[in-house]
PDB file of N, CA and C in Angstrom:
ATOM      1  N   MET A   1       1.092  -1.289   0.164  1.00  0.00           N
ATOM      2  CA  MET A   1      -0.246   0.250   0.151  1.00  0.00           C
ATOM      3  C   MET A   1       1.234   0.930  -0.181  1.00  0.00           C
ATOM      4  N   ALA A   2       0.654   2.353  -0.590  1.00  0.00           N
ATOM      5  CA  ALA A   2       1.543   3.692  -0.890  1.00  0.00           C
ATOM      6  C   ALA A   2       0.700   4.543   0.337  1.00  0.00           C
ATOM      7  N   ASP A   3       2.126   4.473   0.714  1.00  0.00           N
ATOM      8  CA  ASP A   3       1.662   6.128   1.242  1.00  0.00           C
ATOM      9  C   ASP A   3       1.046   7.414   0.831  1.00  0.00           C
ATOM     10  N   VAL A   4       0.070   7.193   1.248  1.00  0.00           N
ATOM     11  CA  VAL A   4      -0.624   8.740   1.610  1.00  0.00           C
ATOM     12  C   VAL A   4       0.180  10.518   2.369  1.00  0.00           C
ATOM     13  N   THR A   5       0.945  10.436   3.079  1.00  0.00           N
ATOM     14  CA  THR A   5       1.108  11.250   2.730  1.00  0.00           C
ATOM     15  C   THR A   5       3.079  11.696   1.976  1.00  0.00           C
ATOM     16  N   ARG A   6       2.770  10.651   1.688  1.00  0.00           N
ATOM     17  CA  ARG A   6       4.330  11.201   0.737  1.00  0.00           C
ATOM     18  C   ARG A   6       3.606  12.326  -0.367  1.00  0.00           C
ATOM     19  N   PRO A   7       4.509  13.273  -0.392  1.00  0.00           N
ATOM     20  CA  PRO A   7       3.956  14.096  -1.230  1.00  0.00           C
ATOM     21  C   PRO A   7       3.943  13.702  -2.664  1.00  0.00           C
ATOM     22  N   ILE A   8       3.707  13.958  -3.319  1.00  0.00           N
ATOM     23  CA  ILE A   8       3.343  13.784  -5.149  1.00  0.00           C
ATOM     24  C   ILE A   8       4.797  14.307  -5.652  1.00  0.00           C
ATOM     25  N   TRP A   9       4.053  15.743  -5.960  1.00  0.00           N
ATOM     26  CA  TRP A   9       4.980  16.149  -6.865  1.00  0.00           C
ATOM     27  C   TRP A   9       6.834  15.055  -7.393  1.00  0.00           C
ATOM     28  N   PRO A  10       7.846  14.599  -5.898  1.00  0.00           N
ATOM     29  CA  PRO A  10       9.014  13.743  -7.093  1.00  0.00           C
ATOM     30  C   PRO A  10       8.023  13.081  -8.353  1.00  0.00           C
ATOM     31  N   ALA A  11       6.821  12.674  -7.980  1.00  0.00           N
ATOM     32  CA  ALA A  11       6.169  11.555  -9.295  1.00  0.00           C
ATOM     33  C   ALA A  11       6.654  12.541 -10.795  1.00  0.00           C
ATOM     34  N   TYR A  12       6.279  13.572 -10.706  1.00  0.00           N
ATOM     35  CA  TYR A  12       6.519  14.453 -11.666  1.00  0.00           C
ATOM     36  C   TYR A  12       7.534  14.396 -12.699  1.00  0.00           C
ATOM     37  N   LEU A  13       9.131  14.973 -11.502  1.00  0.00           N
ATOM     38  CA  LEU A  13      10.292  15.051 -12.008  1.00  0.00           C
ATOM     39  C   LEU A  13      10.969  13.719 -12.393  1.00  0.00           C
ATOM     40  N   LEU A  14      10.342  12.096 -11.948  1.00  0.00           N
ATOM     41  CA  LEU A  14      10.601  11.014 -12.029  1.00  0.00           C
ATOM     42  C   LEU A  14       9.996  10.985 -13.393  1.00  0.00           C
ATOM     43  N   THR A  15       8.983  10.432 -13.163  1.00  0.00           N
ATOM     44  CA  THR A  15       8.681  10.224 -14.923  1.00  0.00           C
ATOM     45  C   THR A  15       8.947  11.185 -16.191  1.00  0.00           C
ATOM     46  N   VAL A  16       9.265  11.906 -16.192  1.00  0.00           N
ATOM     47  CA  VAL A  16      10.088  12.739 -16.974  1.00  0.00           C
ATOM     48  C   VAL A  16      11.790  12.491 -17.249  1.00  0.00           C
ATOM     49  N   PHE A  17      12.204  11.906 -16.578  1.00  0.00           N
ATOM     50  CA  PHE A  17      13.347  11.797 -16.579  1.00  0.00           C
ATOM     51  C   PHE A  17      13.291   9.965 -17.617  1.00  0.00           C
ATOM     52  N   VAL A  18      12.403   9.483 -16.419  1.00  0.00           N
ATOM     53  CA  VAL A  18      11.992   7.459 -17.196  1.00  0.00           C
ATOM     54  C   VAL A  18      11.123   7.413 -16.965  1.00  0.00           C
ATOM     55  N   GLY A  19       9.794   7.177 -18.689  1.00  0.00           N
ATOM     56  CA  GLY A  19       8.078   6.750 -18.369  1.00  0.00           C
ATOM     57  C   GLY A  19       8.123   6.013 -17.287  1.00  0.00           C
ATOM     58  N   GLY A  20       7.413   6.125 -16.375  1.00  0.00           N
ATOM     59  CA  GLY A  20       6.523   5.034 -15.759  1.00  0.00           C
ATOM     60  C   GLY A  20       7.018   4.881 -14.531  1.00  0.00           C
ATOM     61  N   LEU A  21       8.255   5.591 -14.379  1.00  0.00           N
ATOM     62  CA  LEU A  21       9.547   5.387 -12.793  1.00  0.00           C
ATOM     63  C   LEU A  21       7.995   6.238 -11.820  1.00  0.00           C
ATOM     64  N   GLY A  22       7.782   7.875 -12.120  1.00  0.00           N
ATOM     65  CA  GLY A  22       6.701   8.224 -11.041  1.00  0.00           C
ATOM     66  C   GLY A  22       5.277   7.672 -10.724  1.00  0.00           C
ATOM     67  N   HIS A  23       5.580   6.232 -11.810  1.00  0.00           N
ATOM     68  CA  HIS A  23       3.996   5.449 -11.151  1.00  0.00           C
ATOM     69  C   HIS A  23       3.949   4.503  -9.953  1.00  0.00           C
ATOM     70  N   CYS A  24       5.911   3.853 -10.689  1.00  0.00           N
ATOM     71  CA  CYS A  24       5.860   3.361  -9.047  1.00  0.00           C
ATOM     72  C   CYS A  24       6.760   3.992  -7.840  1.00  0.00           C
ATOM     73  N   TYR A  25       6.878   5.721  -8.012  1.00  0.00           N
ATOM     74  CA  TYR A  25       6.783   6.052  -6.492  1.00  0.00           C
ATOM     75  C   TYR A  25       5.050   6.359  -6.284  1.00  0.00           C
ATOM     76  N   LEU A  26       4.351   5.992  -6.696  1.00  0.00           N
ATOM     77  CA  LEU A  26       2.899   6.125  -6.410  1.00  0.00           C
ATOM     78  C   LEU A  26       2.733   5.230  -6.268  1.00  0.00           C
ATOM     79  N   GLY A  27       3.409   3.597  -6.665  1.00  0.00           N
ATOM     80  CA  GLY A  27       3.070   2.499  -5.945  1.00  0.00           C
ATOM     81  C   GLY A  27       1.982   1.871  -6.799  1.00  0.00           C
ATOM     82  N   GLN A  28       1.639   2.617  -7.702  1.00  0.00           N
ATOM     83  CA  GLN A  28       1.284   1.860  -8.884  1.00  0.00           C
ATOM     84  C   GLN A  28       2.145   1.130 -10.022  1.00  0.00           C
ATOM     85  N   TRP A  29       2.867   0.004  -9.613  1.00  0.00           N
ATOM     86  CA  TRP A  29       3.776  -0.503  -9.783  1.00  0.00           C
ATOM     87  C   TRP A  29       3.719  -1.246 -11.354  1.00  0.00           C
ATOM     88  N   LYS A  30       2.185  -1.706 -11.253  1.00  0.00           N
ATOM     89  CA  LYS A  30       1.800  -2.493 -12.608  1.00  0.00           C
ATOM     90  C   LYS A  30       1.717  -1.952 -13.919  1.00  0.00           C
ATOM     91  N   ARG A  31       0.993  -0.651 -13.070  1.00  0.00           N
ATOM     92  CA  ARG A  31       0.555   0.708 -14.402  1.00  0.00           C
ATOM     93  C   ARG A  31       2.133   1.454 -15.080  1.00  0.00           C
ATOM     94  N   GLY A  32       3.103   1.034 -13.980  1.00  0.00           N
ATOM     95  CA  GLY A  32       4.662   2.128 -14.078  1.00  0.00           C
ATOM     96  C   GLY A  32       5.097   1.352 -15.199  1.00  0.00           C
ATOM     97  N   VAL A  33       5.324  -0.134 -14.719  1.00  0.00           N
ATOM     98  CA  VAL A  33       5.854  -1.449 -15.587  1.00  0.00           C
ATOM     99  C   VAL A  33       5.270  -0.998 -16.942  1.00  0.00           C
ATOM    100  N   ALA A  34       4.029  -1.044 -16.972  1.00  0.00           N
ATOM    101  CA  ALA A  34       3.736  -0.692 -18.530  1.00  0.00           C
ATOM    102  C   ALA A  34       3.714   0.552 -19.378  1.00  0.00           C
ATOM    103  N   TRP A  35       3.798   1.674 -18.797  1.00  0.00           N
ATOM    104  CA  TRP A  35       3.746   2.647 -19.022  1.00  0.00           C
ATOM    105  C   TRP A  35       6.370   3.201 -19.213  1.00  0.00           C
ATOM    106  N   PHE A  36       6.446   2.126 -18.733  1.00  0.00           N
ATOM    107  CA  PHE A  36       7.853   1.434 -18.790  1.00  0.00           C
ATOM    108  C   PHE A  36       8.443   0.817 -20.122  1.00  0.00           C
ATOM    109  N   VAL A  37       8.104  -0.341 -20.287  1.00  0.00           N
ATOM    110  CA  VAL A  37       8.004  -1.009 -22.190  1.00  0.00           C
ATOM    111  C   VAL A  37       7.497  -0.243 -22.594  1.00  0.00           C
ATOM    112  N   LEU A  38       6.340   0.454 -22.400  1.00  0.00           N
ATOM    113  CA  LEU A  38       5.895   1.404 -23.848  1.00  0.00           C
ATOM    114  C   LEU A  38       7.119   2.391 -23.821  1.00  0.00           C
ATOM    115  N   TYR A  39       7.643   3.206 -22.711  1.00  0.00           N
ATOM    116  CA  TYR A  39       8.396   3.957 -23.041  1.00  0.00           C
ATOM    117  C   TYR A  39      10.214   3.367 -24.054  1.00  0.00           C
ATOM    118  N   LEU A  40      10.430   2.034 -23.416  1.00  0.00           N
ATOM    119  CA  LEU A  40      11.369   1.540 -24.027  1.00  0.00           C
ATOM    120  C   LEU A  40      11.094   1.059 -25.911  1.00  0.00           C
ATOM    121  N   LEU A  41      10.076   0.726 -26.056  1.00  0.00           N
ATOM    122  CA  LEU A  41       9.205   0.369 -27.131  1.00  0.00           C
ATOM    123  C   LEU A  41       9.462   1.914 -27.656  1.00  0.00           C
ATOM    124  N   SER A  42       9.036   3.118 -27.763  1.00  0.00           N
ATOM    125  CA  SER A  42       9.028   4.477 -28.296  1.00  0.00           C
ATOM    126  C   SER A  42      10.153   4.808 -28.312  1.00  0.00           C
ATOM    127  N   LEU A  43      11.048   4.137 -27.587  1.00  0.00           N
ATOM    128  CA  LEU A  43      12.655   4.716 -27.910  1.00  0.00           C
ATOM    129  C   LEU A  43      13.161   3.749 -28.476  1.00  0.00           C
ATOM    130  N   ALA A  44      13.213   2.574 -28.695  1.00  0.00           N
ATOM    131  CA  ALA A  44      13.869   1.300 -29.152  1.00  0.00           C
ATOM    132  C   ALA A  44      13.314   2.171 -31.088  1.00  0.00           C
ATOM    133  N   PHE A  45      11.594   2.357 -31.271  1.00  0.00           N
ATOM    134  CA  PHE A  45      11.268   2.894 -32.521  1.00  0.00           C
ATOM    135  C   PHE A  45      12.372   3.931 -32.723  1.00  0.00           C
ATOM    136  N   LEU A  46      13.021   5.341 -32.359  1.00  0.00           N
ATOM    137  CA  LEU A  46      13.398   6.445 -32.548  1.00  0.00           C
ATOM    138  C   LEU A  46      14.980   5.990 -32.511  1.00  0.00           C
ATOM    139  N   SER A  47      15.061   4.667 -32.296  1.00  0.00           N
ATOM    140  CA  SER A  47      17.005   4.500 -32.221  1.00  0.00           C
ATOM    141  C   SER A  47      16.609   3.379 -34.121  1.00  0.00           C
ATOM    142  N   ALA A  48      15.656   2.456 -34.129  1.00  0.00           N
ATOM    143  CA  ALA A  48      15.581   2.369 -35.149  1.00  0.00           C
ATOM    144  C   ALA A  48      15.597   2.867 -36.801  1.00  0.00           C
ATOM    145  N   ARG A  49      14.776   3.801 -36.565  1.00  0.00           N
ATOM    146  CA  ARG A  49      14.539   4.812 -37.257  1.00  0.00           C
ATOM    147  C   ARG A  49      15.995   5.784 -37.504  1.00  0.00           C
ATOM    148  N   THR A  50      16.660   6.306 -36.538  1.00  0.00           N
ATOM    149  CA  THR A  50      17.597   6.731 -36.546  1.00  0.00           C
ATOM    150  C   THR A  50      18.666   5.859 -37.303  1.00  0.00           C
ATOM    151  N   LEU A  51      19.274   4.784 -36.805  1.00  0.00           N
ATOM    152  CA  LEU A  51      20.542   4.077 -36.798  1.00  0.00           C
ATOM    153  C   LEU A  51      19.961   2.645 -37.609  1.00  0.00           C
ATOM    154  N   SER A  52      19.162   3.027 -38.777  1.00  0.00           N
ATOM    155  CA  SER A  52      19.019   2.390 -39.778  1.00  0.00           C
ATOM    156  C   SER A  52      19.924   2.615 -40.577  1.00  0.00           C
ATOM    157  N   GLY A  53      20.583   3.678 -40.958  1.00  0.00           N
ATOM    158  CA  GLY A  53      21.305   3.770 -42.115  1.00  0.00           C
ATOM    159  C   GLY A  53      23.002   3.366 -41.478  1.00  0.00           C
ATOM    160  N   ALA A  54      22.969   3.479 -40.096  1.00  0.00           N
ATOM    161  CA  ALA A  54      24.479   3.473 -39.184  1.00  0.00           C
ATOM    162  C   ALA A  54      24.665   2.060 -40.138  1.00  0.00           C
ATOM    163  N   PHE A  55      25.085   1.518 -40.314  1.00  0.00           N
ATOM    164  CA  PHE A  55      25.241  -0.282 -40.840  1.00  0.00           C
ATOM    165  C   PHE A  55      25.710   0.367 -41.933  1.00  0.00           C
ATOM    166  N   ASP A  56      26.049   0.685 -42.438  1.00  0.00           N
ATOM    167  CA  ASP A  56      26.363   1.348 -43.566  1.00  0.00           C
ATOM    168  C   ASP A  56      28.046   1.214 -43.806  1.00  0.00           C
ATOM    169  N   LEU A  57      28.880  -0.291 -44.202  1.00  0.00           N
ATOM    170  CA  LEU A  57      30.349  -0.646 -43.628  1.00  0.00           C
ATOM    171  C   LEU A  57      31.195   0.541 -43.894  1.00  0.00           C
ATOM    172  N   SER A  58      30.750   1.802 -44.814  1.00  0.00           N
ATOM    173  CA  SER A  58      31.858   2.017 -45.225  1.00  0.00           C
ATOM    174  C   SER A  58      32.746   3.493 -44.469  1.00  0.00           C
ATOM    175  N   GLU A  59      31.681   3.418 -43.092  1.00  0.00           N
ATOM    176  CA  GLU A  59      32.564   4.208 -41.426  1.00  0.00           C
ATOM    177  C   GLU A  59      32.132   3.049 -40.842  1.00  0.00           C
ATOM    178  N   PRO A  60      33.027   3.614 -40.129  1.00  0.00           N
ATOM    179  CA  PRO A  60      32.372   3.341 -38.408  1.00  0.00           C
ATOM    180  C   PRO A  60      31.085   3.557 -37.926  1.00  0.00           C
ATOM    181  N   PHE A  61      30.746   2.890 -36.523  1.00  0.00           N
ATOM    182  CA  PHE A  61      29.152   2.572 -36.292  1.00  0.00           C
ATOM    183  C   PHE A  61      28.587   3.496 -35.788  1.00  0.00           C
ATOM    184  N   PHE A  62      29.915   4.274 -34.706  1.00  0.00           N
ATOM    185  CA  PHE A  62      29.288   5.170 -33.935  1.00  0.00           C
ATOM    186  C   PHE A  62      29.515   6.792 -34.630  1.00  0.00           C
ATOM    187  N   VAL A  63      30.669   6.467 -35.362  1.00  0.00           N
ATOM    188  CA  VAL A  63      30.959   7.605 -35.082  1.00  0.00           C
ATOM    189  C   VAL A  63      29.287   8.294 -36.575  1.00  0.00           C
ATOM    190  N   THR A  64      28.640   6.999 -37.682  1.00  0.00           N
ATOM    191  CA  THR A  64      27.394   7.209 -37.876  1.00  0.00           C
ATOM    192  C   THR A  64      25.803   6.989 -37.215  1.00  0.00           C
ATOM    193  N   ALA A  65      26.138   6.552 -36.095  1.00  0.00           N
ATOM    194  CA  ALA A  65      25.671   6.175 -35.010  1.00  0.00           C
ATOM    195  C   ALA A  65      25.165   7.608 -34.275  1.00  0.00           C
ATOM    196  N   LEU A  66      26.190   8.729 -34.276  1.00  0.00           N
ATOM    197  CA  LEU A  66      26.847  10.368 -33.477  1.00  0.00           C
ATOM    198  C   LEU A  66      25.518  11.080 -34.173  1.00  0.00           C
ATOM    199  N   GLN A  67      25.874  11.166 -36.230  1.00  0.00           N
ATOM    200  CA  GLN A  67      24.910  11.716 -36.632  1.00  0.00           C
ATOM    201  C   GLN A  67      23.787  12.193 -36.580  1.00  0.00           C
ATOM    202  N   PHE A  68      23.101  12.975 -35.650  1.00  0.00           N
ATOM    203  CA  PHE A  68      21.938  13.825 -35.577  1.00  0.00           C
ATOM    204  C   PHE A  68      21.214  13.689 -37.213  1.00  0.00           C
ATOM    205  N   GLU A  69      22.002  13.945 -38.326  1.00  0.00           N
ATOM    206  CA  GLU A  69      21.669  15.148 -39.472  1.00  0.00           C
ATOM    207  C   GLU A  69      19.714  13.607 -40.463  1.00  0.00           C
ATOM    208  N   SER A  70      19.555  12.765 -39.329  1.00  0.00           N
ATOM    209  CA  SER A  70      19.185  12.355 -40.348  1.00  0.00           C
ATOM    210  C   SER A  70      16.744  11.629 -39.086  1.00  0.00           C
ATOM    211  N   VAL A  71      17.616  12.789 -37.983  1.00  0.00           N
ATOM    212  CA  VAL A  71      17.235  12.197 -37.088  1.00  0.00           C
ATOM    213  C   VAL A  71      14.807  13.594 -37.761  1.00  0.00           C
ATOM    214  N   ASP A  72      14.426  12.745 -37.138  1.00  0.00           N
ATOM    215  CA  ASP A  72      13.036  13.588 -38.229  1.00  0.00           C
ATOM    216  C   ASP A  72      12.152  13.614 -36.926  1.00  0.00           C
ATOM    217  N   TYR A  73      11.205  14.964 -36.979  1.00  0.00           N
ATOM    218  CA  TYR A  73      10.557  15.088 -35.987  1.00  0.00           C
ATOM    219  C   TYR A  73       9.266  14.262 -35.559  1.00  0.00           C
ATOM    220  N   VAL A  74       9.144  13.553 -36.879  1.00  0.00           N
ATOM    221  CA  VAL A  74       8.512  12.160 -36.099  1.00  0.00           C
ATOM    222  C   VAL A  74       9.295  11.221 -35.239  1.00  0.00           C
ATOM    223  N   ASP A  75      10.440  11.297 -35.058  1.00  0.00           N
ATOM    224  CA  ASP A  75      11.422  10.331 -34.315  1.00  0.00           C
ATOM    225  C   ASP A  75      11.108  11.199 -33.262  1.00  0.00           C
ATOM    226  N   VAL A  76      11.675  11.976 -32.648  1.00  0.00           N
ATOM    227  CA  VAL A  76      11.580  12.671 -31.072  1.00  0.00           C
ATOM    228  C   VAL A  76      10.036  12.781 -30.781  1.00  0.00           C
ATOM    229  N   ALA A  77       8.564  12.490 -31.724  1.00  0.00           N
ATOM    230  CA  ALA A  77       7.558  13.332 -31.905  1.00  0.00           C
ATOM    231  C   ALA A  77       6.868  12.058 -30.569  1.00  0.00           C
ATOM    232  N   ILE A  78       7.520  10.794 -31.183  1.00  0.00           N
ATOM    233  CA  ILE A  78       6.956   9.015 -30.642  1.00  0.00           C
ATOM    234  C   ILE A  78       7.230   9.474 -29.361  1.00  0.00           C
ATOM    235  N   PRO A  79       8.584   9.339 -28.503  1.00  0.00           N
ATOM    236  CA  PRO A  79       8.463   8.776 -27.100  1.00  0.00           C
ATOM    237  C   PRO A  79       8.221  10.613 -26.616  1.00  0.00           C
ATOM    238  N   LEU A  80       8.125  11.837 -26.716  1.00  0.00           N
ATOM    239  CA  LEU A  80       7.925  12.683 -26.486  1.00  0.00           C
ATOM    240  C   LEU A  80       6.289  12.394 -26.115  1.00  0.00           C
ATOM    241  N   ALA A  81       5.736  12.217 -26.829  1.00  0.00           N
ATOM    242  CA  ALA A  81       4.254  11.702 -27.377  1.00  0.00           C
ATOM    243  C   ALA A  81       3.822  10.828 -25.624  1.00  0.00           C
ATOM    244  N   VAL A  82       4.700  10.123 -25.487  1.00  0.00           N
ATOM    245  CA  VAL A  82       3.754   8.788 -24.361  1.00  0.00           C
ATOM    246  C   VAL A  82       4.717   9.478 -23.022  1.00  0.00           C
ATOM    247  N   LEU A  83       5.949   9.963 -22.825  1.00  0.00           N
ATOM    248  CA  LEU A  83       6.035  10.886 -21.781  1.00  0.00           C
ATOM    249  C   LEU A  83       5.356  11.943 -21.402  1.00  0.00           C
ATOM    250  N   LEU A  84       4.811  12.778 -21.996  1.00  0.00           N
ATOM    251  CA  LEU A  84       3.646  13.780 -22.085  1.00  0.00           C
ATOM    252  C   LEU A  84       2.732  12.782 -21.788  1.00  0.00           C
ATOM    253  N   VAL A  85       1.895  11.694 -22.161  1.00  0.00           N
ATOM    254  CA  VAL A  85       0.694  11.070 -21.722  1.00  0.00           C
ATOM    255  C   VAL A  85       0.739  10.111 -20.875  1.00  0.00           C
ATOM    256  N   CYS A  86       1.531   9.796 -20.558  1.00  0.00           N
ATOM    257  CA  CYS A  86       2.453   9.300 -19.054  1.00  0.00           C
ATOM    258  C   CYS A  86       2.684  10.474 -17.855  1.00  0.00           C
ATOM    259  N   LEU A  87       2.392  11.470 -18.145  1.00  0.00           N
ATOM    260  CA  LEU A  87       2.966  12.648 -17.116  1.00  0.00           C
ATOM    261  C   LEU A  87       1.650  13.062 -16.898  1.00  0.00           C
ATOM    262  N   LEU A  88       0.731  13.057 -17.443  1.00  0.00           N
ATOM    263  CA  LEU A  88      -0.535  13.516 -17.466  1.00  0.00           C
ATOM    264  C   LEU A  88      -1.398  12.060 -16.870  1.00  0.00           C
ATOM    265  N   ASP A  89      -1.121  11.070 -16.843  1.00  0.00           N
ATOM    266  CA  ASP A  89      -1.334  10.046 -16.276  1.00  0.00           C
ATOM    267  C   ASP A  89      -1.181   9.953 -14.943  1.00  0.00           C
ATOM    268  N   VAL A  90       0.371  10.220 -14.889  1.00  0.00           N
ATOM    269  CA  VAL A  90       0.705  10.793 -13.023  1.00  0.00           C
ATOM    270  C   VAL A  90       0.408  11.909 -12.715  1.00  0.00           C
ATOM    271  N   TYR A  91      -0.234  12.414 -13.254  1.00  0.00           N
ATOM    272  CA  TYR A  91      -1.318  13.525 -12.416  1.00  0.00           C
ATOM    273  C   TYR A  91      -2.775  13.322 -12.237  1.00  0.00           C
ATOM    274  N   LEU A  92      -2.982  12.233 -12.618  1.00  0.00           N
ATOM    275  CA  LEU A  92      -4.458  11.831 -12.761  1.00  0.00           C
ATOM    276  C   LEU A  92      -4.387  10.744 -11.858  1.00  0.00           C
ATOM    277  N   VAL A  93      -3.756  10.133 -11.618  1.00  0.00           N
ATOM    278  CA  VAL A  93      -3.371   8.870 -10.692  1.00  0.00           C
ATOM    279  C   VAL A  93      -2.924   9.544  -9.328  1.00  0.00           C
ATOM    280  N   GLY A  94      -2.273  10.964  -9.155  1.00  0.00           N
ATOM    281  CA  GLY A  94      -1.773  12.060  -7.719  1.00  0.00           C
ATOM    282  C   GLY A  94      -3.187  12.443  -7.056  1.00  0.00           C
ATOM    283  N   LEU A  95      -3.995  13.066  -8.495  1.00  0.00           N
ATOM    284  CA  LEU A  95      -4.930  13.549  -8.216  1.00  0.00           C
ATOM    285  C   LEU A  95      -6.073  12.765  -7.105  1.00  0.00           C
ATOM    286  N   ALA A  96      -6.613  11.709  -8.223  1.00  0.00           N
ATOM    287  CA  ALA A  96      -7.639  10.353  -7.101  1.00  0.00           C
ATOM    288  C   ALA A  96      -6.487  10.004  -6.360  1.00  0.00           C
ATOM    289  N   LYS A  97      -5.789   9.791  -5.829  1.00  0.00           N
ATOM    290  CA  LYS A  97      -5.097   9.732  -4.790  1.00  0.00           C
ATOM    291  C   LYS A  97      -5.255  11.305  -3.509  1.00  0.00           C
ATOM    292  N   ARG A  98      -4.786  11.765  -3.873  1.00  0.00           N
ATOM    293  CA  ARG A  98      -5.879  12.975  -3.238  1.00  0.00           C
ATOM    294  C   ARG A  98      -7.106  13.453  -2.829  1.00  0.00           C
ATOM    295  N   THR A  99      -8.314  12.754  -3.489  1.00  0.00           N
ATOM    296  CA  THR A  99      -8.968  12.875  -3.231  1.00  0.00           C
ATOM    297  C   THR A  99      -9.648  11.594  -2.941  1.00  0.00           C
ATOM    298  N   ASP A 100      -8.907  10.207  -2.881  1.00  0.00           N
ATOM    299  CA  ASP A 100      -8.999   8.910  -1.406  1.00  0.00           C
ATOM    300  C   ASP A 100      -8.697   9.641  -0.619  1.00  0.00           C
ATOM    301  N   ALA A 101      -7.412   9.834  -0.360  1.00  0.00           N
ATOM    302  CA  ALA A 101      -7.386  10.226   0.830  1.00  0.00           C
ATOM    303  C   ALA A 101      -7.836  10.711   1.736  1.00  0.00           C
ATOM    304  N   PRO A 102      -7.693  10.449   3.452  1.00  0.00           N
ATOM    305  CA  PRO A 102      -8.960  10.273   3.909  1.00  0.00           C
ATOM    306  C   PRO A 102      -8.192  11.657   4.749  1.00  0.00           C
ATOM    307  N   ILE A 103      -9.314  12.358   4.937  1.00  0.00           N
ATOM    308  CA  ILE A 103      -9.399  13.633   5.176  1.00  0.00           C
ATOM    309  C   ILE A 103      -9.565  13.890   6.586  1.00  0.00           C
ATOM    310  N   ALA A 104      -8.445  14.705   7.410  1.00  0.00           N
ATOM    311  CA  ALA A 104      -7.993  14.881   9.098  1.00  0.00           C
ATOM    312  C   ALA A 104      -9.115  15.377   9.434  1.00  0.00           C
ATOM    313  N   PRO A 105      -9.547  15.092  10.701  1.00  0.00           N
ATOM    314  CA  PRO A 105     -10.410  15.963  11.392  1.00  0.00           C
ATOM    315  C   PRO A 105     -10.035  17.281  11.458  1.00  0.00           C
ATOM    316  N   GLU A 106     -10.843  18.282  11.295  1.00  0.00           N
ATOM    317  CA  GLU A 106     -10.021  19.316  12.349  1.00  0.00           C
ATOM    318  C   GLU A 106     -10.397  20.074  13.379  1.00  0.00           C
ATOM    319  N   GLU A 107      -8.934  20.396  13.675  1.00  0.00           N
ATOM    320  CA  GLU A 107      -9.596  20.536  15.398  1.00  0.00           C
ATOM    321  C   GLU A 107     -10.704  21.922  15.365  1.00  0.00           C
ATOM    322  N   SER A 108     -11.000  21.429  16.516  1.00  0.00           N
ATOM    323  CA  SER A 108     -12.247  22.623  17.088  1.00  0.00           C
ATOM    324  C   SER A 108     -11.610  24.221  17.277  1.00  0.00           C
ATOM    325  N   HIS A 109     -11.974  24.634  16.618  1.00  0.00           N
ATOM    326  CA  HIS A 109     -11.147  26.550  17.300  1.00  0.00           C
ATOM    327  C   HIS A 109     -12.175  27.355  17.933  1.00  0.00           C
ATOM    328  N   SER A 110     -12.416  27.110  19.038  1.00  0.00           N
ATOM    329  CA  SER A 110     -12.696  27.611  20.775  1.00  0.00           C
ATOM    330  C   SER A 110     -12.640  29.427  20.064  1.00  0.00           C
ATOM    331  N   ASN A 111     -14.277  30.026  20.633  1.00  0.00           N
ATOM    332  CA  ASN A 111     -14.003  31.129  20.179  1.00  0.00           C
ATOM    333  C   ASN A 111     -13.797  31.873  21.640  1.00  0.00           C
ATOM    334  N   GLY A 112     -13.627  30.918  22.448  1.00  0.00           N
ATOM    335  CA  GLY A 112     -13.867  31.678  23.799  1.00  0.00           C
ATOM    336  C   GLY A 112     -15.103  31.829  24.551  1.00  0.00           C
ATOM    337  N   SER A 113     -15.767  30.452  23.886  1.00  0.00           N
ATOM    338  CA  SER A 113     -17.023  29.893  24.515  1.00  0.00           C
ATOM    339  C   SER A 113     -16.811  28.729  25.277  1.00  0.00           C
TER     340      SER A 113
END
């Protein structure tokens, strides 16, 4: 069970660095692993499209792999879109945790009576 007193804002930072990590921080392990796998697949798609010409035998692999001339907007947009939707999901999970959290009873304020 996740600790409801834990602040939610670190989950946003963790999600920006690695998709799914914020969900794990909030205690949503299955959801976090699913987002992480989706994030890795989107990065693999980016790498496959970027490195498709890197296996040319006329140039060394690392030199060709580090050239970003062949990176298009679509290549970067897919992993970025996955991270943005994952960040939105972390926000919604955090919002649900805040609304489901038990509200502490307010202390009675005495007005001198």
